[in-house]
Amino acid sequence: MKNERETLRRWERIKKEREFDEVFKTGKFYSGSLVSLVYRTHSGRRVGFAVGKGIKGAVIRNRLKRLLREIYRKKKEELKMDVEIILIARESAVGKGYQELKKDLEALFLRAGILK
């Protein structure tokens, strides 16, 4: 059984287009080789995941989102509580594995200064 803190709760997710737009408009942008990150300070920690239609094939896009969700889920306790984050998979992420995405994402979290 999963530890309650490890699950990604519904209220922790950014789902609506309006919420994505607000983060993109007011947030800071960081780009890695496989993943881009946009964040802003906000009350409570929330996250959204995006993969552009430029990456062909729904199966591939969904796999990238699943990988990003899993990496975030395992790292979220190490992140500051007052941030809204959007993780965007880049085309270069296609075909990459969990460890490569995790390494790129950890470097972005460090560069953005959102680790505790």
Protein backbone atom coordinates (compact mmCIF):
# COMPACT_ATOMS: atom_id res chain seq x y z
CA MET A 1 0.00 0.00 0.00
CA LYS A 2 1.29 3.45 -0.91
CA ASN A 3 2.26 5.89 1.77
CA GLU A 4 -0.39 8.64 1.82
CA ARG A 5 2.23 11.37 1.34
CA GLU A 6 3.58 9.73 -1.81
CA THR A 7 0.35 9.84 -3.75
CA LEU A 8 -0.42 12.75 -6.04
CA ARG A 9 -3.71 14.10 -4.72
CA ARG A 10 -6.32 15.74 -6.93
CA TRP A 11 -5.88 19.14 -5.26
CA GLU A 12 -2.13 19.00 -5.96
CA ARG A 13 -2.64 18.98 -9.73
CA ILE A 14 -2.97 21.88 -12.13
CA LYS A 15 -5.58 20.75 -14.65
CA LYS A 16 -7.47 23.75 -16.01
CA GLU A 17 -6.22 25.76 -18.97
CA ARG A 18 -6.76 29.00 -17.03
CA GLU A 19 -4.48 27.75 -14.23
CA PHE A 20 -1.79 26.73 -16.74
CA ASP A 21 -2.03 30.17 -18.38
CA GLU A 22 -1.58 31.96 -15.03
CA VAL A 23 1.59 30.02 -14.26
CA PHE A 24 2.98 30.59 -17.78
CA LYS A 25 2.17 34.32 -17.59
CA THR A 26 3.69 35.04 -14.17
CA GLY A 27 6.18 32.20 -13.70
CA LYS A 28 9.90 31.77 -14.24
CA PHE A 29 11.04 29.50 -17.06
CA TYR A 30 13.95 27.04 -16.94
CA SER A 31 14.92 24.69 -19.71
CA GLY A 32 16.89 21.46 -19.58
CA SER A 33 17.87 19.17 -22.41
CA LEU A 34 14.84 16.88 -21.91
CA VAL A 35 12.37 18.82 -19.76
CA SER A 36 11.37 22.45 -19.31
CA LEU A 37 10.03 23.84 -16.05
CA VAL A 38 7.87 26.87 -15.30
CA TYR A 39 7.17 27.81 -11.70
CA ARG A 40 5.79 30.59 -9.57
CA THR A 41 5.33 31.07 -5.87
CA HIS A 42 1.85 30.27 -4.65
CA SER A 43 0.16 29.09 -1.49
CA GLY A 44 0.50 25.32 -1.54
CA ARG A 45 2.49 23.01 -3.79
CA ARG A 46 0.78 22.14 -7.10
CA VAL A 47 2.00 20.63 -10.36
CA GLY A 48 0.89 20.32 -13.96
CA PHE A 49 2.30 18.17 -16.75
CA ALA A 50 2.41 19.04 -20.44
CA VAL A 51 3.60 17.30 -23.57
CA GLY A 52 3.11 19.16 -26.85
CA LYS A 53 1.35 17.75 -29.90
CA GLY A 54 4.68 18.14 -31.69
CA ILE A 55 5.51 14.80 -30.12
CA LYS A 56 3.57 12.45 -32.38
CA GLY A 57 1.62 9.56 -30.94
CA ALA A 58 -0.64 9.63 -27.90
CA VAL A 59 1.08 6.55 -26.47
CA ILE A 60 4.44 8.34 -26.45
CA ARG A 61 2.98 11.55 -24.97
CA ASN A 62 1.18 9.61 -22.24
CA ARG A 63 4.31 7.63 -21.38
CA LEU A 64 6.30 10.85 -20.97
CA LYS A 65 3.61 12.29 -18.70
CA ARG A 66 3.56 9.10 -16.61
CA LEU A 67 7.34 9.21 -16.22
CA LEU A 68 7.28 12.89 -15.22
CA ARG A 69 4.45 12.25 -12.75
CA GLU A 70 6.36 9.39 -11.12
CA ILE A 71 9.59 11.38 -10.83
CA TYR A 72 7.71 14.34 -9.35
CA ARG A 73 5.78 12.09 -6.95
CA LYS A 74 9.00 10.68 -5.55
CA LYS A 75 10.73 14.09 -5.30
CA LYS A 76 7.83 16.27 -4.11
CA GLU A 77 8.72 16.06 -0.42
CA GLU A 78 12.11 17.61 -1.26
CA LEU A 79 10.49 20.65 -2.93
CA LYS A 80 9.35 23.88 -1.31
CA MET A 81 5.71 23.96 -0.27
CA ASP A 82 4.77 27.30 -1.82
CA VAL A 83 5.26 26.68 -5.56
CA GLU A 84 3.15 25.90 -8.60
CA ILE A 85 5.17 23.96 -11.17
CA ILE A 86 4.53 22.98 -14.77
CA LEU A 87 6.78 20.28 -16.23
CA ILE A 88 6.97 20.20 -20.03
CA ALA A 89 8.52 17.28 -21.87
CA ARG A 90 10.61 18.33 -24.85
CA GLU A 91 10.89 16.39 -28.11
CA SER A 92 14.39 15.28 -27.11
CA ALA A 93 12.79 13.31 -24.22
CA VAL A 94 11.22 10.80 -26.61
CA GLY A 95 12.83 7.41 -26.12
CA LYS A 96 14.68 8.42 -22.96
CA GLY A 97 14.38 6.36 -19.80
CA TYR A 98 13.40 7.10 -16.25
CA GLN A 99 16.95 7.72 -14.99
CA GLU A 100 17.78 10.22 -17.76
CA LEU A 101 14.58 12.19 -17.18
CA LYS A 102 15.11 12.11 -13.41
CA LYS A 103 18.65 13.46 -13.73
CA ASP A 104 17.51 16.31 -16.00
CA LEU A 105 14.57 17.17 -13.74
CA GLU A 106 16.70 17.16 -10.58
CA ALA A 107 19.14 19.56 -12.24
CA LEU A 108 16.22 21.87 -13.14
CA PHE A 109 14.85 21.80 -9.59
CA LEU A 110 18.31 22.76 -8.32
CA ARG A 111 18.78 25.55 -10.89
CA ALA A 112 15.33 26.96 -10.18
CA GLY A 113 16.04 26.98 -6.44
CA ILE A 114 12.84 25.18 -5.48
CA LEU A 115 14.45 22.44 -3.41
CA LYS A 116 14.08 22.82 0.36
